[in-house]
Structure formats: C-alpha cells, structure tokens
Amino acid sequence: MTHDQSSTPSSSIQLPILGSPAGGETGCGTPSPVMPPVSRRLPPWLRQNLGEGGGHGETAGLIAELDLETVCSSAKCPNRLECWSSGTATFMILGNVCTRPCGFCSVPKGKTEELEADEPERVAEAARRLGLKHVVITSVTRDDLADGGAEHFRRTVAAVREATGATIEVLVPDFIGKEGALEQLLKARPEVFNHNTETVPRLYRRVRGRKSVYAWTLQLLADAKRIMPDIKTKSGLMLGLGETREELLDVFADLLDHGVDFLTLGQYLQPSLDSLPVERYLPPEEFDELGDLARSMGFARVASGPLVRSSYHAREMVTV
C-alpha cells in the first residue's frame, strides 16, 4: 500500500492546518523566496575533538568482527566517537540499504539484500561483550518485506535480552501498510518504543519523502502505548530545516496528545552534499529554551541540544 502526503490512514485523526511561514515550502508545495545559504563552516558549539585514550577502536573492532551495522557509521552520527569510546553503539539491523529516499539521511538507498538469520544472535553477542545495560536497536526501512522486518526485530530484542538482561529500546520505521507488524514487534516487550517524527508537518514531504505521513507517525506512537500501556514512547525532531517555533510547539502538543513520554531535540547536520542543506544552526541557548518549554508542556524526559540524537545517552533518559 502506497501513501503520499495527501493520504490519510484509516485510524488517523484530523490535524490542524498550519500557516506557511517565510522560507522553505508553502503548504501546497510552492517554493517561497530563497533564503541565503548557510555557511558550511560549523559554529564552534558543533566542533568536537575525541579525547585522548578513547576506546572507540575496540568497539569498532568488535562491530567489524561480528559483521554488524551501526547507525553510528551508516548515518554519520557526530557522536559516534564519543559513544564508541564509552563502549556503546546503536545497532542497525535488516541490512544497510533503505527503501525510503529521505532527504536528510546518508544511509544508502537501492536494492536490498536477504535478511541474515543469525543477525539477532550476533547483535546479542556484541551487546554482551560490550557489557551494555541499555541496548538501542534500530533499522533501515524495509518496505519490500511483508512485515517490514517486525519479526526480525522481535527475534533481535529477544536474543539481546536473553544474553544481557539489559533494558532495550527499539527505534523503528513507520511500518506503513504492514498490518500486524507493530503487534508482532511488541511481543518482545521492549522497555522503550522510539519512532522519530523528524520534522514539522509542512516539511514532511520534502524531508521524509512521499511515503511518510505525519498523521501515521502520531498514530504509530499512540498504538504502541495502546497495545503496551506500560511502555515508554519516545520521539525526536531535527531542527534547522526551516521549521518555526510555532510549528515546533504544535508538534510538541500533538506528541503529548498521543501519549509520548520522551522527546529528543537536536541540530540537523547535512551528512553529504546530496542531502538537504541546513537552513539554520540553532545556538545552545535556544535548545535549552525549547527543552524547558517541552518539559513545561508535560514530557517526562527531554534531551535538547545541538548534538543530541535519538539514542544519545539513551540509558540516562530511561533511568534518571
């Protein structure tokens, strides 16, 4: 089943129509006046240096030995050296080729490969050898699979839990058109269910492509809570793509209305020349302010900062 931005899932709710601020696209897809390009030179708060004596080589070696994928490398996460130095990683399953042409992501798109039956056990072995207490498992989007990869997710969660006893967070694609996929995945009972909203409704088609639907994102998060009332639901937004503060606050309210517990806010960084450009670099003070606003609105946990990513310091969000 194919959806575009005008599609409405049968279980979706009516959403408010937002105005079209200057810059970016208008609500009907008509380009508004072009803004001056943002300098490619990173502002000082986004420049990082790896500290001396980091153990990132050991983590990278283990991942290579077990022939695993990590979103840290595939998505060119700016925190990968810091996380690997502390012995953590976000495991990416279902291969390293995605079926969605998102404009913000550097994960390869194209022809996918067969699932590797032993991948859940290899992820579990890596988590065990790293001594992880909280494991994040994510994936590429696999529209080519009948269940979107839900059963493979379930098997991976079960294998990691058996090997480590760790709390587990799944960061999942949207499973659009995959009836029963969410229920199958949640049979593994992960502690945290994470699905990223990524951006505001006005920018959804441009950022996430024609198959992603804002209303479906909200409904998926709400359905996870309905199926497993005790699960913690989580979502994240990239900032600096042309969104306005009013649009962000509308999204915060929508997420809360759909039972979301945790929120992450981070700066979008262009991972390749073919990816969407950065419209604006938000200073740390603005991230602090937005984080405070989100907390005051009712989120149980908020991580907001230029270098925050969906799974950055994920264990702290769960255990604090």
Protein backbone atom coordinates (compact mmCIF):
# COMPACT_ATOMS: atom_id res chain seq x y z
CA MET A 1 0.00 0.00 0.00
CA THR A 2 1.45 3.35 -1.01
CA HIS A 3 0.78 6.57 0.88
CA ASP A 4 1.66 10.09 -0.01
CA GLN A 5 1.28 13.28 1.99
CA SER A 6 -2.35 13.60 0.94
CA SER A 7 -3.15 10.06 2.13
CA THR A 8 -4.92 9.56 5.42
CA PRO A 9 -4.61 6.24 7.29
CA SER A 10 -7.94 4.81 8.37
CA SER A 11 -7.07 5.24 12.04
CA SER A 12 -5.63 8.75 11.79
CA ILE A 13 -7.07 11.86 13.36
CA GLN A 14 -7.72 15.26 11.83
CA LEU A 15 -4.79 17.62 12.25
CA PRO A 16 -4.81 21.42 12.28
CA ILE A 17 -3.75 23.24 9.12
CA LEU A 18 -0.62 25.25 9.79
CA GLY A 19 0.23 28.53 8.13
CA SER A 20 3.19 28.89 5.80
CA PRO A 21 5.99 30.98 7.29
CA ALA A 22 8.65 32.58 5.17
CA GLY A 23 11.37 30.31 3.87
CA GLY A 24 11.18 26.69 2.70
CA GLU A 25 7.98 25.43 1.08
CA THR A 26 4.44 26.65 1.41
CA GLY A 27 1.73 24.26 2.46
CA CYS A 28 0.83 23.50 -1.16
CA GLY A 29 4.43 22.77 -2.12
CA THR A 30 5.13 26.09 -3.87
CA PRO A 31 8.66 27.32 -3.13
CA SER A 32 8.79 30.57 -1.20
CA PRO A 33 11.59 33.12 -1.71
CA VAL A 34 15.02 31.53 -1.47
CA MET A 35 16.95 32.40 1.67
CA PRO A 36 20.73 32.99 1.62
CA PRO A 37 22.65 29.71 2.05
CA VAL A 38 24.01 28.85 5.47
CA SER A 39 27.79 28.70 5.73
CA ARG A 40 29.18 25.17 5.64
CA ARG A 41 31.61 26.10 8.41
CA LEU A 42 30.27 24.63 11.63
CA PRO A 43 29.72 27.03 14.50
CA PRO A 44 32.06 26.47 17.46
CA TRP A 45 29.50 24.60 19.58
CA LEU A 46 29.29 21.85 16.93
CA ARG A 47 33.02 21.19 16.64
CA GLN A 48 34.19 18.13 18.52
CA ASN A 49 37.51 16.55 19.41
CA LEU A 50 37.91 12.98 20.60
CA GLY A 51 39.64 12.88 23.96
CA GLU A 52 42.94 11.06 24.39
CA GLY A 53 42.86 7.38 25.22
CA GLY A 54 39.39 6.74 23.78
CA GLY A 55 38.35 3.11 23.42
CA HIS A 56 36.47 3.65 20.20
CA GLY A 57 38.86 1.38 18.32
CA GLU A 58 37.89 -1.61 20.44
CA THR A 59 34.18 -1.03 19.81
CA ALA A 60 34.76 -0.54 16.09
CA GLY A 61 36.84 -3.72 16.01
CA LEU A 62 34.13 -5.75 17.74
CA ILE A 63 31.47 -4.45 15.36
CA ALA A 64 33.66 -5.34 12.38
CA GLU A 65 34.48 -8.78 13.81
CA LEU A 66 30.79 -9.64 14.18
CA ASP A 67 29.95 -8.08 10.80
CA LEU A 68 27.33 -5.73 12.22
CA GLU A 69 25.91 -2.42 11.07
CA THR A 70 25.54 0.59 13.32
CA VAL A 71 23.53 3.71 12.69
CA CYS A 72 26.55 5.48 14.19
CA SER A 73 28.52 4.88 10.99
CA SER A 74 25.79 4.50 8.38
CA ALA A 75 24.10 7.79 9.35
CA LYS A 76 27.43 9.52 10.05
CA CYS A 77 26.38 10.45 13.58
CA PRO A 78 28.55 13.24 15.03
CA ASN A 79 28.65 11.47 18.40
CA ARG A 80 29.90 8.10 17.22
CA LEU A 81 33.45 8.53 18.54
CA GLU A 82 32.23 9.68 21.95
CA CYS A 83 29.75 6.80 22.20
CA TRP A 84 32.20 4.19 20.95
CA SER A 85 34.81 5.47 23.40
CA SER A 86 32.37 4.71 26.20
CA GLY A 87 31.56 1.27 24.78
CA THR A 88 28.08 1.98 23.43
CA ALA A 89 26.55 1.78 19.99
CA THR A 90 23.14 1.78 18.31
CA PHE A 91 22.82 -1.44 16.35
CA MET A 92 21.18 -1.24 12.93
CA ILE A 93 19.51 -4.42 11.69
CA LEU A 94 17.77 -5.51 8.46
CA GLY A 95 20.79 -4.60 6.32
CA ASN A 96 22.35 -1.28 5.38
CA VAL A 97 20.22 -0.35 2.36
CA CYS A 98 16.98 1.58 2.86
CA THR A 99 13.86 1.61 0.67
CA ARG A 100 13.00 5.24 1.53
CA PRO A 101 14.66 8.25 -0.17
CA CYS A 102 14.68 10.59 2.84
CA GLY A 103 16.40 13.88 2.09
CA PHE A 104 18.23 14.11 5.43
CA CYS A 105 19.83 10.67 5.67
CA SER A 106 23.06 9.25 4.26
CA VAL A 107 22.12 5.56 4.62
CA PRO A 108 22.36 4.01 1.12
CA LYS A 109 19.15 3.57 -0.90
CA GLY A 110 18.54 0.91 -3.50
CA LYS A 111 18.22 -2.83 -3.87
CA THR A 112 18.02 -4.58 -0.52
CA GLU A 113 19.57 -7.91 0.43
CA GLU A 114 18.20 -11.04 2.08
CA LEU A 115 17.87 -10.97 5.86
CA GLU A 116 20.70 -12.64 7.78
CA ALA A 117 19.14 -15.29 10.00
CA ASP A 118 21.93 -15.15 12.58
CA GLU A 119 21.98 -11.36 12.91
CA PRO A 120 19.94 -11.32 16.17
CA GLU A 121 22.50 -13.61 17.83
CA ARG A 122 25.43 -11.51 16.57
CA VAL A 123 23.85 -8.32 17.93
CA ALA A 124 23.28 -10.09 21.25
CA GLU A 125 26.91 -11.23 21.36
CA ALA A 126 28.15 -7.68 20.72
CA ALA A 127 25.90 -6.28 23.44
CA ARG A 128 27.11 -8.97 25.86
CA ARG A 129 30.79 -8.38 25.15
CA LEU A 130 30.35 -4.61 25.47
CA GLY A 131 28.64 -5.09 28.83
CA LEU A 132 25.70 -2.91 27.81
CA LYS A 133 22.94 -2.20 30.32
CA HIS A 134 20.67 -0.43 27.82
CA VAL A 135 20.66 -1.51 24.18
CA VAL A 136 19.24 0.52 21.30
CA ILE A 137 18.18 -1.41 18.19
CA THR A 138 17.17 0.42 15.03
CA SER A 139 16.87 -0.47 11.35
CA VAL A 140 16.63 0.77 7.84
CA THR A 141 13.12 0.91 6.38
CA ARG A 142 12.24 -2.31 4.55
CA ASP A 143 9.08 -1.65 2.54
CA ASP A 144 9.98 -4.74 0.48
CA LEU A 145 9.30 -7.12 3.41
CA ALA A 146 5.75 -8.27 4.10
CA ASP A 147 6.04 -7.37 7.80
CA GLY A 148 8.53 -4.52 7.37
CA GLY A 149 11.05 -6.55 9.39
CA ALA A 150 8.94 -6.74 12.56
CA GLU A 151 9.63 -10.43 13.25
CA HIS A 152 13.37 -9.89 12.80
CA PHE A 153 13.12 -7.01 15.28
CA ARG A 154 11.28 -9.27 17.73
CA ARG A 155 13.92 -12.00 17.43
CA THR A 156 16.74 -9.48 17.94
CA VAL A 157 15.16 -8.00 21.07
CA ALA A 158 14.60 -11.49 22.50
CA ALA A 159 18.19 -12.56 21.78
CA VAL A 160 19.71 -9.43 23.33
CA ARG A 161 17.56 -9.71 26.44
CA GLU A 162 18.47 -13.36 26.93
CA ALA A 163 22.19 -12.63 26.51
CA THR A 164 22.40 -9.45 28.60
CA GLY A 165 19.31 -8.79 30.72
CA ALA A 166 19.62 -5.19 29.52
CA THR A 167 16.74 -2.77 29.06
CA ILE A 168 16.00 -2.44 25.38
CA GLU A 169 14.93 0.48 23.20
CA VAL A 170 13.68 -0.02 19.66
CA LEU A 171 13.90 2.85 17.18
CA VAL A 172 11.61 1.74 14.39
CA PRO A 173 10.46 2.74 10.90
CA ASP A 174 6.80 3.57 10.39
CA PHE A 175 5.54 0.15 9.13
CA ILE A 176 3.09 1.90 6.80
CA GLY A 177 0.89 -0.71 5.12
CA LYS A 178 2.27 -3.57 7.27
CA GLU A 179 -0.80 -4.88 9.09
CA GLY A 180 0.06 -6.61 12.36
CA ALA A 181 3.73 -5.58 12.25
CA LEU A 182 3.59 -3.40 15.35
CA GLU A 183 1.81 -6.07 17.36
CA GLN A 184 4.41 -8.66 16.28
CA LEU A 185 7.35 -6.48 17.30
CA LEU A 186 5.82 -5.60 20.66
CA LYS A 187 5.53 -9.28 21.59
CA ALA A 188 9.18 -8.87 22.62
CA ARG A 189 8.11 -6.19 25.14
CA PRO A 190 10.93 -3.63 24.77
CA GLU A 191 11.09 -1.05 27.53
CA VAL A 192 11.19 1.95 25.15
CA PHE A 193 9.44 2.35 21.79
CA ASN A 194 11.02 5.13 19.73
CA HIS A 195 9.80 6.43 16.37
CA ASN A 196 11.13 9.75 15.16
CA THR A 197 8.82 12.50 13.95
CA GLU A 198 11.90 14.19 12.43
CA THR A 199 10.26 17.47 11.36
CA VAL A 200 7.08 19.53 11.26
CA PRO A 201 4.09 18.64 9.01
CA ARG A 202 4.76 21.40 6.45
CA LEU A 203 8.20 19.94 5.70
CA TYR A 204 7.29 16.24 5.81
CA ARG A 205 7.23 15.58 2.08
CA ARG A 206 10.47 17.47 1.47
CA VAL A 207 12.35 15.89 4.39
CA ARG A 208 10.90 12.39 4.62
CA GLY A 209 9.62 11.72 1.12
CA ARG A 210 6.19 10.99 -0.29
CA LYS A 211 5.65 7.68 1.56
CA SER A 212 5.91 9.14 5.06
CA VAL A 213 2.79 10.67 6.64
CA TYR A 214 2.75 12.86 9.75
CA ALA A 215 -0.63 11.52 10.92
CA TRP A 216 0.63 7.96 10.62
CA THR A 217 3.69 8.78 12.75
CA LEU A 218 1.44 10.06 15.52
CA GLN A 219 -0.87 7.07 15.24
CA LEU A 220 2.01 4.57 15.40
CA LEU A 221 3.21 6.11 18.67
CA ALA A 222 -0.31 6.10 20.10
CA ASP A 223 -0.89 2.49 19.01
CA ALA A 224 2.30 1.34 20.75
CA LYS A 225 1.02 2.84 24.00
CA ARG A 226 -2.43 1.32 23.46
CA ILE A 227 -1.01 -2.17 22.89
CA MET A 228 1.53 -1.89 25.73
CA PRO A 229 0.28 0.73 28.24
CA ASP A 230 3.42 0.39 30.40
CA ILE A 231 5.88 1.02 27.58
CA LYS A 232 7.71 4.35 27.37
CA THR A 233 7.22 6.01 23.99
CA LYS A 234 9.78 8.39 22.57
CA SER A 235 10.19 10.61 19.51
CA GLY A 236 12.74 13.05 18.15
CA LEU A 237 12.97 16.12 15.95
CA MET A 238 15.81 17.56 13.87
CA LEU A 239 15.96 21.33 13.99
CA GLY A 240 17.40 23.74 11.45
CA LEU A 241 15.47 22.56 8.38
CA GLY A 242 13.27 25.65 8.12
CA GLU A 243 10.69 24.96 10.82
CA THR A 244 9.29 27.75 13.01
CA ARG A 245 8.91 27.81 16.77
CA GLU A 246 5.13 27.85 16.46
CA GLU A 247 5.25 24.73 14.31
CA LEU A 248 7.51 23.01 16.83
CA LEU A 249 5.17 23.79 19.71
CA ASP A 250 2.27 22.39 17.67
CA VAL A 251 4.22 19.16 17.17
CA PHE A 252 5.07 19.00 20.89
CA ALA A 253 1.36 19.27 21.68
CA ASP A 254 0.47 16.59 19.11
CA LEU A 255 3.04 14.18 20.54
CA LEU A 256 1.76 14.71 24.07
CA ASP A 257 -1.81 14.19 22.87
CA HIS A 258 -0.68 10.81 21.51
CA GLY A 259 0.92 9.69 24.77
CA VAL A 260 4.61 10.29 24.02
CA ASP A 261 6.77 10.26 27.18
CA PHE A 262 10.28 11.19 25.99
CA LEU A 263 11.42 13.83 23.47
CA THR A 264 14.78 14.49 21.83
CA LEU A 265 15.70 17.70 20.01
CA GLY A 266 18.93 18.04 18.02
CA GLN A 267 20.55 20.05 15.28
CA TYR A 268 20.24 18.72 11.74
CA LEU A 269 23.66 18.37 10.12
CA GLN A 270 24.00 17.77 6.38
CA PRO A 271 25.65 14.33 6.08
CA SER A 272 26.52 14.61 2.37
CA LEU A 273 26.42 17.11 -0.49
CA ASP A 274 23.36 15.29 -1.86
CA SER A 275 21.41 15.72 1.38
CA LEU A 276 19.15 18.60 2.31
CA PRO A 277 21.04 21.77 3.27
CA VAL A 278 20.98 23.23 6.75
CA GLU A 279 18.74 26.28 6.91
CA ARG A 280 19.92 27.46 10.33
CA TYR A 281 22.25 26.48 13.16
CA LEU A 282 20.42 26.97 16.45
CA PRO A 283 22.62 28.12 19.35
CA PRO A 284 22.76 26.02 22.54
CA GLU A 285 20.73 28.64 24.41
CA GLU A 286 17.80 28.15 22.03
CA PHE A 287 17.94 24.39 22.51
CA ASP A 288 17.87 24.96 26.28
CA GLU A 289 14.84 27.18 25.95
CA LEU A 290 12.97 24.73 23.73
CA GLY A 291 13.82 21.90 26.10
CA ASP A 292 12.42 23.86 29.04
CA LEU A 293 9.25 24.61 27.07
CA ALA A 294 8.81 20.92 26.22
CA ARG A 295 9.23 19.93 29.88
CA SER A 296 6.74 22.55 30.99
CA MET A 297 4.24 21.15 28.50
CA GLY A 298 4.39 17.72 30.11
CA PHE A 299 7.09 15.43 28.65
CA ALA A 300 8.56 13.14 31.31
CA ARG A 301 12.09 13.37 29.87
CA VAL A 302 13.57 15.81 27.36
CA ALA A 303 17.06 15.83 25.84
CA SER A 304 17.66 19.03 23.89
CA GLY A 305 20.97 20.22 22.48
CA PRO A 306 22.85 20.74 19.22
CA LEU A 307 24.48 17.29 19.33
CA VAL A 308 21.56 15.36 20.79
CA ARG A 309 20.42 12.41 18.68
CA SER A 310 17.64 9.86 19.14
CA SER A 311 19.75 7.38 21.07
CA TYR A 312 22.34 9.75 22.53
CA HIS A 313 22.66 8.97 26.26
CA ALA A 314 19.50 6.88 25.88
CA ARG A 315 20.10 4.98 29.10
CA GLU A 316 20.14 8.17 31.13
CA MET A 317 16.73 9.14 29.78
CA VAL A 318 15.28 5.83 30.97
CA THR A 319 16.98 5.61 34.36
CA VAL A 320 17.12 9.20 35.61
